[in-house]
Amino acid sequence: MQQEYYVATDVQAYYTVKDIMRIFKCGRDKAYQIMNLKGFPMTVIGGKILVHPVALQRWIDKNSFTVISAAELATSRMNNR
């Protein structure tokens, strides 16, 4: 099975929530949970969440072998409300 890789060389300047959903192959709620994790590189401009591709790649590289517990995801979800 061929892997898809999303790297910082994409033409797009910033990723949106829909792009995060595509990259992580998850739904909207899970994408928001991921983006609310401590240290996730996002910027909010005019109510729109934007993620710089290079910052995202660095965050993925840094956290590649980090196990995120269900409790941590639940905490990020609660902080989002």
Protein backbone atom coordinates (compact mmCIF):
# COMPACT_ATOMS: atom_id res chain seq x y z
CA MET A 1 0.00 0.00 0.00
CA GLN A 2 1.45 3.33 -1.06
CA GLN A 3 1.75 5.98 1.65
CA GLU A 4 0.68 9.57 1.11
CA TYR A 5 3.03 12.19 2.48
CA TYR A 6 2.15 15.80 3.05
CA VAL A 7 5.25 17.94 3.18
CA ALA A 8 5.99 21.62 3.50
CA THR A 9 6.67 21.93 -0.22
CA ASP A 10 2.93 22.06 -0.99
CA VAL A 11 1.89 25.14 -2.96
CA GLN A 12 -0.64 26.10 -0.33
CA ALA A 13 0.59 28.81 2.07
CA TYR A 14 -1.51 27.65 5.05
CA TYR A 15 -3.60 24.62 5.90
CA THR A 16 -7.22 24.95 6.99
CA VAL A 17 -9.28 22.62 9.19
CA LYS A 18 -10.34 20.69 6.07
CA ASP A 19 -6.70 20.18 5.14
CA ILE A 20 -5.91 18.90 8.65
CA MET A 21 -8.82 16.46 8.29
CA ARG A 22 -7.33 15.22 5.01
CA ILE A 23 -3.77 15.01 6.31
CA PHE A 24 -4.69 13.11 9.48
CA LYS A 25 -7.51 11.18 7.78
CA CYS A 26 -10.01 12.08 10.47
CA GLY A 27 -13.31 13.86 10.94
CA ARG A 28 -13.93 17.46 11.94
CA ASP A 29 -14.27 16.80 15.68
CA LYS A 30 -11.02 14.80 15.85
CA ALA A 31 -9.22 17.48 13.79
CA TYR A 32 -10.27 20.12 16.32
CA GLN A 33 -9.13 17.87 19.17
CA ILE A 34 -5.72 17.49 17.51
CA MET A 35 -5.43 21.21 16.86
CA ASN A 36 -6.25 21.96 20.51
CA LEU A 37 -3.40 19.79 21.80
CA LYS A 38 -0.73 21.72 23.68
CA GLY A 39 1.93 22.99 21.30
CA PHE A 40 -0.03 22.49 18.07
CA PRO A 41 1.15 25.22 15.66
CA MET A 42 -2.00 27.08 14.71
CA THR A 43 -2.92 30.72 14.23
CA VAL A 44 -6.40 32.15 14.40
CA ILE A 45 -7.07 35.10 12.09
CA GLY A 46 -10.55 36.53 11.92
CA GLY A 47 -12.00 33.37 13.43
CA LYS A 48 -10.31 31.15 10.82
CA ILE A 49 -7.78 28.56 11.99
CA LEU A 50 -4.62 28.45 9.88
CA VAL A 51 -1.67 26.09 10.17
CA HIS A 52 1.65 26.81 8.46
CA PRO A 53 2.90 23.69 6.63
CA VAL A 54 6.50 23.96 7.86
CA ALA A 55 5.38 24.38 11.47
CA LEU A 56 3.01 21.41 11.10
CA GLN A 57 5.79 19.21 9.71
CA ARG A 58 8.08 20.17 12.60
CA TRP A 59 5.29 19.43 15.11
CA ILE A 60 4.68 16.02 13.49
CA ASP A 61 8.42 15.24 13.50
CA LYS A 62 8.73 16.26 17.16
CA ASN A 63 5.66 14.27 18.23
CA SER A 64 5.92 11.26 15.92
CA PHE A 65 6.48 8.74 18.69
CA THR A 66 4.44 10.48 21.37
CA VAL A 67 1.43 8.58 22.66
CA ILE A 68 -1.55 10.87 23.25
CA SER A 69 -3.89 9.49 25.86
CA ALA A 70 -7.67 9.58 25.62
CA ALA A 71 -7.66 11.78 28.73
CA GLU A 72 -5.42 14.33 27.00
CA LEU A 73 -7.72 14.40 23.98
CA ALA A 74 -10.72 14.81 26.26
CA THR A 75 -8.98 17.68 28.07
CA SER A 76 -8.25 19.41 24.76
CA ARG A 77 -11.90 18.98 23.79
CA MET A 78 -13.06 20.50 27.09
CA ASN A 79 -10.72 23.48 26.64
CA ASN A 80 -12.22 24.06 23.19
CA ARG A 81 -15.68 24.81 24.63
